[in-house]
Amino acid sequence: NVPLGSVNSSRAAYDWGPGTLVTV
C-alpha cells in the first residue's frame, strides 16, 4: 500500500488488497 505513517504504523492511503500468506 501507500504508507501514511512510519515503520510499524498501520495507516495506509488506500483500501487493502487480498494480501499473500507467508507461512514459515
mmCIF file of all heavy atoms, coordinates in Angstrom:
data_MODEL
# 
_entry.id   MODEL 
# 
loop_
_atom_site.group_PDB 
_atom_site.id 
_atom_site.type_symbol 
_atom_site.label_atom_id 
_atom_site.label_alt_id 
_atom_site.label_comp_id 
_atom_site.label_asym_id 
_atom_site.label_entity_id 
_atom_site.label_seq_id 
_atom_site.pdbx_PDB_ins_code 
_atom_site.Cartn_x 
_atom_site.Cartn_y 
_atom_site.Cartn_z 
_atom_site.occupancy 
_atom_site.B_iso_or_equiv 
_atom_site.pdbx_formal_charge 
_atom_site.auth_seq_id 
_atom_site.auth_comp_id 
_atom_site.auth_asym_id 
_atom_site.auth_atom_id 
_atom_site.pdbx_PDB_model_num 
ATOM 1   N N   . ASN A 1 1  ? 0.853   -1.180  0.000  1.00 0.00 ? 1  ASN A N   1 
ATOM 2   C CA  . ASN A 1 1  ? 0.000   0.000   0.000  1.00 0.00 ? 1  ASN A CA  1 
ATOM 3   C C   . ASN A 1 1  ? 0.893   1.235   0.000  1.00 0.00 ? 1  ASN A C   1 
ATOM 4   O O   . ASN A 1 1  ? 2.121   1.126   0.022  1.00 0.00 ? 1  ASN A O   1 
ATOM 5   C CB  . ASN A 1 1  ? -0.927  0.010   1.217  1.00 0.00 ? 1  ASN A CB  1 
ATOM 6   C CG  . ASN A 1 1  ? -2.287  0.622   0.928  1.00 0.00 ? 1  ASN A CG  1 
ATOM 7   O OD1 . ASN A 1 1  ? -2.363  1.738   0.398  1.00 0.00 ? 1  ASN A OD1 1 
ATOM 8   N ND2 . ASN A 1 1  ? -3.362  -0.094  1.273  1.00 0.00 ? 1  ASN A ND2 1 
ATOM 9   N N   . VAL A 1 2  ? 0.273   2.396   -0.013 1.00 0.00 ? 2  VAL A N   1 
ATOM 10  C CA  . VAL A 1 2  ? 0.967   3.670   0.105  1.00 0.00 ? 2  VAL A CA  1 
ATOM 11  C C   . VAL A 1 2  ? 0.925   4.062   1.567  1.00 0.00 ? 2  VAL A C   1 
ATOM 12  O O   . VAL A 1 2  ? -0.154  4.338   2.101  1.00 0.00 ? 2  VAL A O   1 
ATOM 13  C CB  . VAL A 1 2  ? 0.315   4.747   -0.771 1.00 0.00 ? 2  VAL A CB  1 
ATOM 14  C CG1 . VAL A 1 2  ? 1.000   6.094   -0.558 1.00 0.00 ? 2  VAL A CG1 1 
ATOM 15  C CG2 . VAL A 1 2  ? 0.365   4.346   -2.236 1.00 0.00 ? 2  VAL A CG2 1 
ATOM 16  N N   . PRO A 1 3  ? 2.054   4.100   2.254  1.00 0.00 ? 3  PRO A N   1 
ATOM 17  C CA  . PRO A 1 3  ? 2.026   4.360   3.689  1.00 0.00 ? 3  PRO A CA  1 
ATOM 18  C C   . PRO A 1 3  ? 1.727   5.815   4.018  1.00 0.00 ? 3  PRO A C   1 
ATOM 19  O O   . PRO A 1 3  ? 2.171   6.731   3.320  1.00 0.00 ? 3  PRO A O   1 
ATOM 20  C CB  . PRO A 1 3  ? 3.429   3.963   4.153  1.00 0.00 ? 3  PRO A CB  1 
ATOM 21  C CG  . PRO A 1 3  ? 4.284   4.131   2.934  1.00 0.00 ? 3  PRO A CG  1 
ATOM 22  C CD  . PRO A 1 3  ? 3.402   3.782   1.767  1.00 0.00 ? 3  PRO A CD  1 
ATOM 23  N N   . LEU A 1 4  ? 0.981   5.995   5.092  1.00 0.00 ? 4  LEU A N   1 
ATOM 24  C CA  . LEU A 1 4  ? 0.703   7.320   5.636  1.00 0.00 ? 4  LEU A CA  1 
ATOM 25  C C   . LEU A 1 4  ? 1.407   7.539   6.968  1.00 0.00 ? 4  LEU A C   1 
ATOM 26  O O   . LEU A 1 4  ? 1.384   8.656   7.488  1.00 0.00 ? 4  LEU A O   1 
ATOM 27  C CB  . LEU A 1 4  ? -0.802  7.510   5.819  1.00 0.00 ? 4  LEU A CB  1 
ATOM 28  C CG  . LEU A 1 4  ? -1.632  7.502   4.534  1.00 0.00 ? 4  LEU A CG  1 
ATOM 29  C CD1 . LEU A 1 4  ? -3.115  7.669   4.865  1.00 0.00 ? 4  LEU A CD1 1 
ATOM 30  C CD2 . LEU A 1 4  ? -1.174  8.593   3.579  1.00 0.00 ? 4  LEU A CD2 1 
ATOM 31  N N   . GLY A 1 5  ? 1.999   6.514   7.509  1.00 0.00 ? 5  GLY A N   1 
ATOM 32  C CA  . GLY A 1 5  ? 2.737   6.600   8.749  1.00 0.00 ? 5  GLY A CA  1 
ATOM 33  C C   . GLY A 1 5  ? 4.133   6.042   8.593  1.00 0.00 ? 5  GLY A C   1 
ATOM 34  O O   . GLY A 1 5  ? 4.562   5.662   7.501  1.00 0.00 ? 5  GLY A O   1 
ATOM 35  N N   . SER A 1 6  ? 4.832   5.988   9.695  1.00 0.00 ? 6  SER A N   1 
ATOM 36  C CA  . SER A 1 6  ? 6.192   5.491   9.700  1.00 0.00 ? 6  SER A CA  1 
ATOM 37  C C   . SER A 1 6  ? 6.204   3.974   9.843  1.00 0.00 ? 6  SER A C   1 
ATOM 38  O O   . SER A 1 6  ? 5.162   3.341   9.948  1.00 0.00 ? 6  SER A O   1 
ATOM 39  C CB  . SER A 1 6  ? 6.983   6.144   10.836 1.00 0.00 ? 6  SER A CB  1 
ATOM 40  O OG  . SER A 1 6  ? 6.389   5.861   12.092 1.00 0.00 ? 6  SER A OG  1 
ATOM 41  N N   . VAL A 1 7  ? 7.397   3.400   9.826  1.00 0.00 ? 7  VAL A N   1 
ATOM 42  C CA  . VAL A 1 7  ? 7.547   1.967   10.066 1.00 0.00 ? 7  VAL A CA  1 
ATOM 43  C C   . VAL A 1 7  ? 6.864   1.594   11.379 1.00 0.00 ? 7  VAL A C   1 
ATOM 44  O O   . VAL A 1 7  ? 6.948   2.330   12.360 1.00 0.00 ? 7  VAL A O   1 
ATOM 45  C CB  . VAL A 1 7  ? 9.035   1.578   10.079 1.00 0.00 ? 7  VAL A CB  1 
ATOM 46  C CG1 . VAL A 1 7  ? 9.237   0.175   10.625 1.00 0.00 ? 7  VAL A CG1 1 
ATOM 47  C CG2 . VAL A 1 7  ? 9.614   1.703   8.679  1.00 0.00 ? 7  VAL A CG2 1 
ATOM 48  N N   . ASN A 1 8  ? 6.158   0.478   11.349 1.00 0.00 ? 8  ASN A N   1 
ATOM 49  C CA  . ASN A 1 8  ? 5.383   -0.061  12.462 1.00 0.00 ? 8  ASN A CA  1 
ATOM 50  C C   . ASN A 1 8  ? 3.963   0.491   12.515 1.00 0.00 ? 8  ASN A C   1 
ATOM 51  O O   . ASN A 1 8  ? 3.130   -0.021  13.262 1.00 0.00 ? 8  ASN A O   1 
ATOM 52  C CB  . ASN A 1 8  ? 6.091   0.144   13.803 1.00 0.00 ? 8  ASN A CB  1 
ATOM 53  C CG  . ASN A 1 8  ? 5.478   -0.680  14.914 1.00 0.00 ? 8  ASN A CG  1 
ATOM 54  O OD1 . ASN A 1 8  ? 5.090   -0.149  15.948 1.00 0.00 ? 8  ASN A OD1 1 
ATOM 55  N ND2 . ASN A 1 8  ? 5.380   -1.978  14.706 1.00 0.00 ? 8  ASN A ND2 1 
ATOM 56  N N   . SER A 1 9  ? 3.658   1.507   11.696 1.00 0.00 ? 9  SER A N   1 
ATOM 57  C CA  . SER A 1 9  ? 2.309   2.051   11.633 1.00 0.00 ? 9  SER A CA  1 
ATOM 58  C C   . SER A 1 9  ? 1.410   1.140   10.800 1.00 0.00 ? 9  SER A C   1 
ATOM 59  O O   . SER A 1 9  ? 1.876   0.374   9.957  1.00 0.00 ? 9  SER A O   1 
ATOM 60  C CB  . SER A 1 9  ? 2.327   3.449   11.021 1.00 0.00 ? 9  SER A CB  1 
ATOM 61  O OG  . SER A 1 9  ? 1.016   3.931   10.798 1.00 0.00 ? 9  SER A OG  1 
ATOM 62  N N   . SER A 1 10 ? 0.104   1.247   11.028 1.00 0.00 ? 10 SER A N   1 
ATOM 63  C CA  . SER A 1 10 ? -0.875  0.516   10.234 1.00 0.00 ? 10 SER A CA  1 
ATOM 64  C C   . SER A 1 10 ? -1.572  1.392   9.205  1.00 0.00 ? 10 SER A C   1 
ATOM 65  O O   . SER A 1 10 ? -2.386  0.887   8.426  1.00 0.00 ? 10 SER A O   1 
ATOM 66  C CB  . SER A 1 10 ? -1.919  -0.130  11.150 1.00 0.00 ? 10 SER A CB  1 
ATOM 67  O OG  . SER A 1 10 ? -2.673  0.857   11.833 1.00 0.00 ? 10 SER A OG  1 
ATOM 68  N N   . ARG A 1 11 ? -1.273  2.672   9.173  1.00 0.00 ? 11 ARG A N   1 
ATOM 69  C CA  . ARG A 1 11 ? -2.006  3.609   8.340  1.00 0.00 ? 11 ARG A CA  1 
ATOM 70  C C   . ARG A 1 11 ? -1.545  3.542   6.893  1.00 0.00 ? 11 ARG A C   1 
ATOM 71  O O   . ARG A 1 11 ? -0.344  3.528   6.599  1.00 0.00 ? 11 ARG A O   1 
ATOM 72  C CB  . ARG A 1 11 ? -1.855  5.034   8.874  1.00 0.00 ? 11 ARG A CB  1 
ATOM 73  C CG  . ARG A 1 11 ? -2.255  5.195   10.330 1.00 0.00 ? 11 ARG A CG  1 
ATOM 74  C CD  . ARG A 1 11 ? -2.516  6.651   10.688 1.00 0.00 ? 11 ARG A CD  1 
ATOM 75  N NE  . ARG A 1 11 ? -1.466  7.545   10.219 1.00 0.00 ? 11 ARG A NE  1 
ATOM 76  C CZ  . ARG A 1 11 ? -0.329  7.788   10.857 1.00 0.00 ? 11 ARG A CZ  1 
ATOM 77  N NH1 . ARG A 1 11 ? -0.089  7.187   12.021 1.00 0.00 ? 11 ARG A NH1 1 
ATOM 78  N NH2 . ARG A 1 11 ? 0.553   8.632   10.350 1.00 0.00 ? 11 ARG A NH2 1 
ATOM 79  N N   . ALA A 1 12 ? -2.524  3.539   5.990  1.00 0.00 ? 12 ALA A N   1 
ATOM 80  C CA  . ALA A 1 12 ? -2.238  3.491   4.565  1.00 0.00 ? 12 ALA A CA  1 
ATOM 81  C C   . ALA A 1 12 ? -3.279  4.305   3.817  1.00 0.00 ? 12 ALA A C   1 
ATOM 82  O O   . ALA A 1 12 ? -4.369  4.564   4.325  1.00 0.00 ? 12 ALA A O   1 
ATOM 83  C CB  . ALA A 1 12 ? -2.220  2.057   4.058  1.00 0.00 ? 12 ALA A CB  1 
ATOM 84  N N   . ALA A 1 13 ? -2.954  4.673   2.585  1.00 0.00 ? 13 ALA A N   1 
ATOM 85  C CA  . ALA A 1 13 ? -3.779  5.606   1.837  1.00 0.00 ? 13 ALA A CA  1 
ATOM 86  C C   . ALA A 1 13 ? -4.994  4.971   1.184  1.00 0.00 ? 13 ALA A C   1 
ATOM 87  O O   . ALA A 1 13 ? -5.995  5.662   0.966  1.00 0.00 ? 13 ALA A O   1 
ATOM 88  C CB  . ALA A 1 13 ? -2.933  6.299   0.771  1.00 0.00 ? 13 ALA A CB  1 
ATOM 89  N N   . TYR A 1 14 ? -4.925  3.697   0.858  1.00 0.00 ? 14 TYR A N   1 
ATOM 90  C CA  . TYR A 1 14 ? -5.951  3.078   0.043  1.00 0.00 ? 14 TYR A CA  1 
ATOM 91  C C   . TYR A 1 14 ? -6.499  1.808   0.685  1.00 0.00 ? 14 TYR A C   1 
ATOM 92  O O   . TYR A 1 14 ? -5.933  1.293   1.654  1.00 0.00 ? 14 TYR A O   1 
ATOM 93  C CB  . TYR A 1 14 ? -5.395  2.762   -1.350 1.00 0.00 ? 14 TYR A CB  1 
ATOM 94  C CG  . TYR A 1 14 ? -4.905  3.983   -2.084 1.00 0.00 ? 14 TYR A CG  1 
ATOM 95  C CD1 . TYR A 1 14 ? -3.547  4.279   -2.164 1.00 0.00 ? 14 TYR A CD1 1 
ATOM 96  C CD2 . TYR A 1 14 ? -5.799  4.859   -2.679 1.00 0.00 ? 14 TYR A CD2 1 
ATOM 97  C CE1 . TYR A 1 14 ? -3.095  5.406   -2.822 1.00 0.00 ? 14 TYR A CE1 1 
ATOM 98  C CE2 . TYR A 1 14 ? -5.358  5.998   -3.338 1.00 0.00 ? 14 TYR A CE2 1 
ATOM 99  C CZ  . TYR A 1 14 ? -4.001  6.263   -3.403 1.00 0.00 ? 14 TYR A CZ  1 
ATOM 100 O OH  . TYR A 1 14 ? -3.562  7.398   -4.058 1.00 0.00 ? 14 TYR A OH  1 
ATOM 101 N N   . ASP A 1 15 ? -7.598  1.344   0.120  1.00 0.00 ? 15 ASP A N   1 
ATOM 102 C CA  . ASP A 1 15 ? -8.156  0.079   0.573  1.00 0.00 ? 15 ASP A CA  1 
ATOM 103 C C   . ASP A 1 15 ? -7.146  -1.042  0.338  1.00 0.00 ? 15 ASP A C   1 
ATOM 104 O O   . ASP A 1 15 ? -6.335  -0.993  -0.592 1.00 0.00 ? 15 ASP A O   1 
ATOM 105 C CB  . ASP A 1 15 ? -9.456  -0.239  -0.171 1.00 0.00 ? 15 ASP A CB  1 
ATOM 106 C CG  . ASP A 1 15 ? -10.598 0.677   0.210  1.00 0.00 ? 15 ASP A CG  1 
ATOM 107 O OD1 . ASP A 1 15 ? -10.525 1.329   1.269  1.00 0.00 ? 15 ASP A OD1 1 
ATOM 108 O OD2 . ASP A 1 15 ? -11.577 0.743   -0.555 1.00 0.00 ? 15 ASP A OD2 1 
ATOM 109 N N   . TRP A 1 16 ? -7.240  -2.045  1.184  1.00 0.00 ? 16 TRP A N   1 
ATOM 110 C CA  . TRP A 1 16 ? -6.285  -3.145  1.129  1.00 0.00 ? 16 TRP A CA  1 
ATOM 111 C C   . TRP A 1 16 ? -6.635  -4.160  0.056  1.00 0.00 ? 16 TRP A C   1 
ATOM 112 O O   . TRP A 1 16 ? -7.793  -4.426  -0.219 1.00 0.00 ? 16 TRP A O   1 
ATOM 113 C CB  . TRP A 1 16 ? -6.218  -3.854  2.479  1.00 0.00 ? 16 TRP A CB  1 
ATOM 114 C CG  . TRP A 1 16 ? -5.795  -2.950  3.584  1.00 0.00 ? 16 TRP A CG  1 
ATOM 115 C CD1 . TRP A 1 16 ? -6.591  -2.337  4.507  1.00 0.00 ? 16 TRP A CD1 1 
ATOM 116 C CD2 . TRP A 1 16 ? -4.460  -2.528  3.878  1.00 0.00 ? 16 TRP A CD2 1 
ATOM 117 N NE1 . TRP A 1 16 ? -5.841  -1.567  5.357  1.00 0.00 ? 16 TRP A NE1 1 
ATOM 118 C CE2 . TRP A 1 16 ? -4.528  -1.662  4.990  1.00 0.00 ? 16 TRP A CE2 1 
ATOM 119 C CE3 . TRP A 1 16 ? -3.215  -2.803  3.303  1.00 0.00 ? 16 TRP A CE3 1 
ATOM 120 C CZ2 . TRP A 1 16 ? -3.397  -1.075  5.543  1.00 0.00 ? 16 TRP A CZ2 1 
ATOM 121 C CZ3 . TRP A 1 16 ? -2.089  -2.210  3.852  1.00 0.00 ? 16 TRP A CZ3 1 
ATOM 122 C CH2 . TRP A 1 16 ? -2.186  -1.358  4.957  1.00 0.00 ? 16 TRP A CH2 1 
ATOM 123 N N   . GLY A 1 17 ? -5.597  -4.711  -0.547 1.00 0.00 ? 17 GLY A N   1 
ATOM 124 C CA  . GLY A 1 17 ? -5.788  -5.837  -1.433 1.00 0.00 ? 17 GLY A CA  1 
ATOM 125 C C   . GLY A 1 17 ? -5.935  -7.119  -0.639 1.00 0.00 ? 17 GLY A C   1 
ATOM 126 O O   . GLY A 1 17 ? -6.035  -7.102  0.587  1.00 0.00 ? 17 GLY A O   1 
ATOM 127 N N   . PRO A 1 18 ? -5.950  -8.254  -1.320 1.00 0.00 ? 18 PRO A N   1 
ATOM 128 C CA  . PRO A 1 18 ? -6.171  -9.526  -0.626 1.00 0.00 ? 18 PRO A CA  1 
ATOM 129 C C   . PRO A 1 18 ? -4.985  -9.988  0.221  1.00 0.00 ? 18 PRO A C   1 
ATOM 130 O O   . PRO A 1 18 ? -5.168  -10.809 1.127  1.00 0.00 ? 18 PRO A O   1 
ATOM 131 C CB  . PRO A 1 18 ? -6.435  -10.513 -1.763 1.00 0.00 ? 18 PRO A CB  1 
ATOM 132 C CG  . PRO A 1 18 ? -5.712  -9.919  -2.934 1.00 0.00 ? 18 PRO A CG  1 
ATOM 133 C CD  . PRO A 1 18 ? -5.860  -8.432  -2.769 1.00 0.00 ? 18 PRO A CD  1 
ATOM 134 N N   . GLY A 1 19 ? -3.803  -9.483  -0.068 1.00 0.00 ? 19 GLY A N   1 
ATOM 135 C CA  . GLY A 1 19 ? -2.615  -9.936  0.623  1.00 0.00 ? 19 GLY A CA  1 
ATOM 136 C C   . GLY A 1 19 ? -2.182  -11.308 0.124  1.00 0.00 ? 19 GLY A C   1 
ATOM 137 O O   . GLY A 1 19 ? -2.892  -11.981 -0.622 1.00 0.00 ? 19 GLY A O   1 
ATOM 138 N N   . THR A 1 20 ? -0.996  -11.707 0.543  1.00 0.00 ? 20 THR A N   1 
ATOM 139 C CA  . THR A 1 20 ? -0.495  -13.034 0.223  1.00 0.00 ? 20 THR A CA  1 
ATOM 140 C C   . THR A 1 20 ? 0.078   -13.642 1.496  1.00 0.00 ? 20 THR A C   1 
ATOM 141 O O   . THR A 1 20 ? 0.809   -12.985 2.241  1.00 0.00 ? 20 THR A O   1 
ATOM 142 C CB  . THR A 1 20 ? 0.547   -12.982 -0.916 1.00 0.00 ? 20 THR A CB  1 
ATOM 143 O OG1 . THR A 1 20 ? 0.902   -14.310 -1.311 1.00 0.00 ? 20 THR A OG1 1 
ATOM 144 C CG2 . THR A 1 20 ? 1.795   -12.208 -0.520 1.00 0.00 ? 20 THR A CG2 1 
ATOM 145 N N   . LEU A 1 21 ? -0.275  -14.879 1.759  1.00 0.00 ? 21 LEU A N   1 
ATOM 146 C CA  . LEU A 1 21 ? 0.076   -15.530 3.012  1.00 0.00 ? 21 LEU A CA  1 
ATOM 147 C C   . LEU A 1 21 ? 1.453   -16.169 2.925  1.00 0.00 ? 21 LEU A C   1 
ATOM 148 O O   . LEU A 1 21 ? 1.735   -16.963 2.019  1.00 0.00 ? 21 LEU A O   1 
ATOM 149 C CB  . LEU A 1 21 ? -0.961  -16.598 3.360  1.00 0.00 ? 21 LEU A CB  1 
ATOM 150 C CG  . LEU A 1 21 ? -0.681  -17.451 4.602  1.00 0.00 ? 21 LEU A CG  1 
ATOM 151 C CD1 . LEU A 1 21 ? -0.643  -16.586 5.859  1.00 0.00 ? 21 LEU A CD1 1 
ATOM 152 C CD2 . LEU A 1 21 ? -1.729  -18.544 4.740  1.00 0.00 ? 21 LEU A CD2 1 
ATOM 153 N N   . VAL A 1 22 ? 2.293   -15.810 3.875  1.00 0.00 ? 22 VAL A N   1 
ATOM 154 C CA  . VAL A 1 22 ? 3.602   -16.437 4.045  1.00 0.00 ? 22 VAL A CA  1 
ATOM 155 C C   . VAL A 1 22 ? 3.554   -17.257 5.320  1.00 0.00 ? 22 VAL A C   1 
ATOM 156 O O   . VAL A 1 22 ? 3.261   -16.725 6.391  1.00 0.00 ? 22 VAL A O   1 
ATOM 157 C CB  . VAL A 1 22 ? 4.720   -15.381 4.118  1.00 0.00 ? 22 VAL A CB  1 
ATOM 158 C CG1 . VAL A 1 22 ? 6.053   -16.036 4.481  1.00 0.00 ? 22 VAL A CG1 1 
ATOM 159 C CG2 . VAL A 1 22 ? 4.829   -14.619 2.811  1.00 0.00 ? 22 VAL A CG2 1 
ATOM 160 N N   . THR A 1 23 ? 3.835   -18.529 5.200  1.00 0.00 ? 23 THR A N   1 
ATOM 161 C CA  . THR A 1 23 ? 3.874   -19.421 6.346  1.00 0.00 ? 23 THR A CA  1 
ATOM 162 C C   . THR A 1 23 ? 5.269   -20.011 6.450  1.00 0.00 ? 23 THR A C   1 
ATOM 163 O O   . THR A 1 23 ? 5.739   -20.670 5.518  1.00 0.00 ? 23 THR A O   1 
ATOM 164 C CB  . THR A 1 23 ? 2.837   -20.542 6.223  1.00 0.00 ? 23 THR A CB  1 
ATOM 165 O OG1 . THR A 1 23 ? 1.528   -19.982 6.084  1.00 0.00 ? 23 THR A OG1 1 
ATOM 166 C CG2 . THR A 1 23 ? 2.868   -21.436 7.455  1.00 0.00 ? 23 THR A CG2 1 
ATOM 167 N N   . VAL A 1 24 ? 5.920   -19.767 7.567  1.00 0.00 ? 24 VAL A N   1 
ATOM 168 C CA  . VAL A 1 24 ? 7.274   -20.264 7.802  1.00 0.00 ? 24 VAL A CA  1 
ATOM 169 C C   . VAL A 1 24 ? 7.184   -21.348 8.862  1.00 0.00 ? 24 VAL A C   1 
ATOM 170 O O   . VAL A 1 24 ? 6.920   -21.059 10.036 1.00 0.00 ? 24 VAL A O   1 
ATOM 171 C CB  . VAL A 1 24 ? 8.225   -19.144 8.234  1.00 0.00 ? 24 VAL A CB  1 
ATOM 172 C CG1 . VAL A 1 24 ? 9.646   -19.682 8.359  1.00 0.00 ? 24 VAL A CG1 1 
ATOM 173 C CG2 . VAL A 1 24 ? 8.170   -17.982 7.247  1.00 0.00 ? 24 VAL A CG2 1 
# 
